[in-house]
Amino acid sequence: MPARYPLLVQLPGGRVQHAARELTNGLVKTLCPKAPARPIGDGTGLPYCAACRHRPNPISQQG
């Protein structure tokens, strides 16, 4: 079963960490508009993506 948000990752096209969830084949989907991609690190030490940071946690919004 894929991991739920937030999974913090670094993507090939960015120098920030994104809140993401695992898809299949090692891909992750971010909360921001970035397309699914393979993470290249866990994002430790990098700033958050502003788009991901300001989105609510989808799990906490379920009612």
C-alpha atoms as a PDB file:
ATOM      1  CA  MET A   1       0.000   0.000   0.000  1.00  0.00           C
ATOM      2  CA  PRO A   2       1.482   3.384  -0.974  1.00  0.00           C
ATOM      3  CA  ALA A   3       2.494   5.819   1.749  1.00  0.00           C
ATOM      4  CA  ARG A   4       0.185   8.707   2.597  1.00  0.00           C
ATOM      5  CA  TYR A   5       1.083  12.374   2.878  1.00  0.00           C
ATOM      6  CA  PRO A   6       3.384  13.821   3.963  1.00  0.00           C
ATOM      7  CA  LEU A   7       6.393  12.098   2.494  1.00  0.00           C
ATOM      8  CA  LEU A   8       9.130  14.712   2.112  1.00  0.00           C
ATOM      9  CA  VAL A   9      11.228  14.300  -1.025  1.00  0.00           C
ATOM     10  CA  GLN A  10      13.573  16.135  -3.361  1.00  0.00           C
ATOM     11  CA  LEU A  11      12.707  15.944  -7.064  1.00  0.00           C
ATOM     12  CA  PRO A  12      15.099  16.077 -10.026  1.00  0.00           C
ATOM     13  CA  GLY A  13      13.794  19.463 -11.187  1.00  0.00           C
ATOM     14  CA  GLY A  14      13.788  21.266  -7.855  1.00  0.00           C
ATOM     15  CA  ARG A  15      16.016  22.398  -5.029  1.00  0.00           C
ATOM     16  CA  VAL A  16      13.262  22.214  -2.431  1.00  0.00           C
ATOM     17  CA  GLN A  17      11.477  19.431  -0.585  1.00  0.00           C
ATOM     18  CA  HIS A  18       7.953  18.538  -1.570  1.00  0.00           C
ATOM     19  CA  ALA A  19       5.168  16.964   0.445  1.00  0.00           C
ATOM     20  CA  ALA A  20       4.312  13.904  -1.623  1.00  0.00           C
ATOM     21  CA  ARG A  21       2.814  10.456  -1.673  1.00  0.00           C
ATOM     22  CA  GLU A  22       4.189   7.292  -3.212  1.00  0.00           C
ATOM     23  CA  LEU A  23       2.713   6.039  -6.467  1.00  0.00           C
ATOM     24  CA  THR A  24       3.969   2.920  -8.244  1.00  0.00           C
ATOM     25  CA  ASN A  25       7.397   1.991  -9.555  1.00  0.00           C
ATOM     26  CA  GLY A  26       9.163   4.337  -7.142  1.00  0.00           C
ATOM     27  CA  LEU A  27       7.370   7.462  -8.385  1.00  0.00           C
ATOM     28  CA  VAL A  28       5.938  10.143  -6.104  1.00  0.00           C
ATOM     29  CA  LYS A  29       3.129  12.661  -6.667  1.00  0.00           C
ATOM     30  CA  THR A  30       3.423  16.034  -4.978  1.00  0.00           C
ATOM     31  CA  LEU A  31       0.761  18.298  -3.504  1.00  0.00           C
ATOM     32  CA  CYS A  32       1.889  21.032  -5.906  1.00  0.00           C
ATOM     33  CA  PRO A  33       1.413  20.896  -9.703  1.00  0.00           C
ATOM     34  CA  LYS A  34       4.663  19.004 -10.323  1.00  0.00           C
ATOM     35  CA  ALA A  35       4.239  15.838 -12.344  1.00  0.00           C
ATOM     36  CA  PRO A  36       4.979  12.426 -10.813  1.00  0.00           C
ATOM     37  CA  ALA A  37       8.716  11.804 -10.657  1.00  0.00           C
ATOM     38  CA  ARG A  38      11.328   9.634  -8.998  1.00  0.00           C
ATOM     39  CA  PRO A  39      12.648  11.245  -5.814  1.00  0.00           C
ATOM     40  CA  ILE A  40      16.404  11.744  -5.628  1.00  0.00           C
ATOM     41  CA  GLY A  41      16.597  12.257  -1.871  1.00  0.00           C
ATOM     42  CA  ASP A  42      14.490  12.844   1.209  1.00  0.00           C
ATOM     43  CA  GLY A  43      14.793  16.629   1.046  1.00  0.00           C
ATOM     44  CA  THR A  44      16.556  16.892   4.396  1.00  0.00           C
ATOM     45  CA  GLY A  45      18.077  20.326   4.801  1.00  0.00           C
ATOM     46  CA  LEU A  46      16.186  21.838   1.872  1.00  0.00           C
ATOM     47  CA  PRO A  47      13.410  24.434   2.238  1.00  0.00           C
ATOM     48  CA  TYR A  48       9.809  23.419   1.619  1.00  0.00           C
ATOM     49  CA  CYS A  49       8.115  24.034  -1.699  1.00  0.00           C
ATOM     50  CA  ALA A  50       5.814  27.002  -1.018  1.00  0.00           C
ATOM     51  CA  ALA A  51       2.919  25.367  -2.876  1.00  0.00           C
ATOM     52  CA  CYS A  52       3.181  22.132  -0.882  1.00  0.00           C
ATOM     53  CA  ARG A  53       3.668  23.896   2.438  1.00  0.00           C
ATOM     54  CA  HIS A  54       0.509  25.970   2.158  1.00  0.00           C
ATOM     55  CA  ARG A  55      -1.821  23.146   1.137  1.00  0.00           C
ATOM     56  CA  PRO A  56      -3.858  21.518   3.933  1.00  0.00           C
ATOM     57  CA  ASN A  57      -3.125  17.932   4.875  1.00  0.00           C
ATOM     58  CA  PRO A  58      -5.798  15.949   2.970  1.00  0.00           C
ATOM     59  CA  ILE A  59      -6.083  13.389   5.774  1.00  0.00           C
ATOM     60  CA  SER A  60      -6.869  16.057   8.394  1.00  0.00           C
ATOM     61  CA  GLN A  61      -9.552  17.551   6.112  1.00  0.00           C
ATOM     62  CA  GLN A  62     -11.641  14.389   5.981  1.00  0.00           C
ATOM     63  CA  GLY A  63     -14.816  14.673   7.917  1.00  0.00           C
END
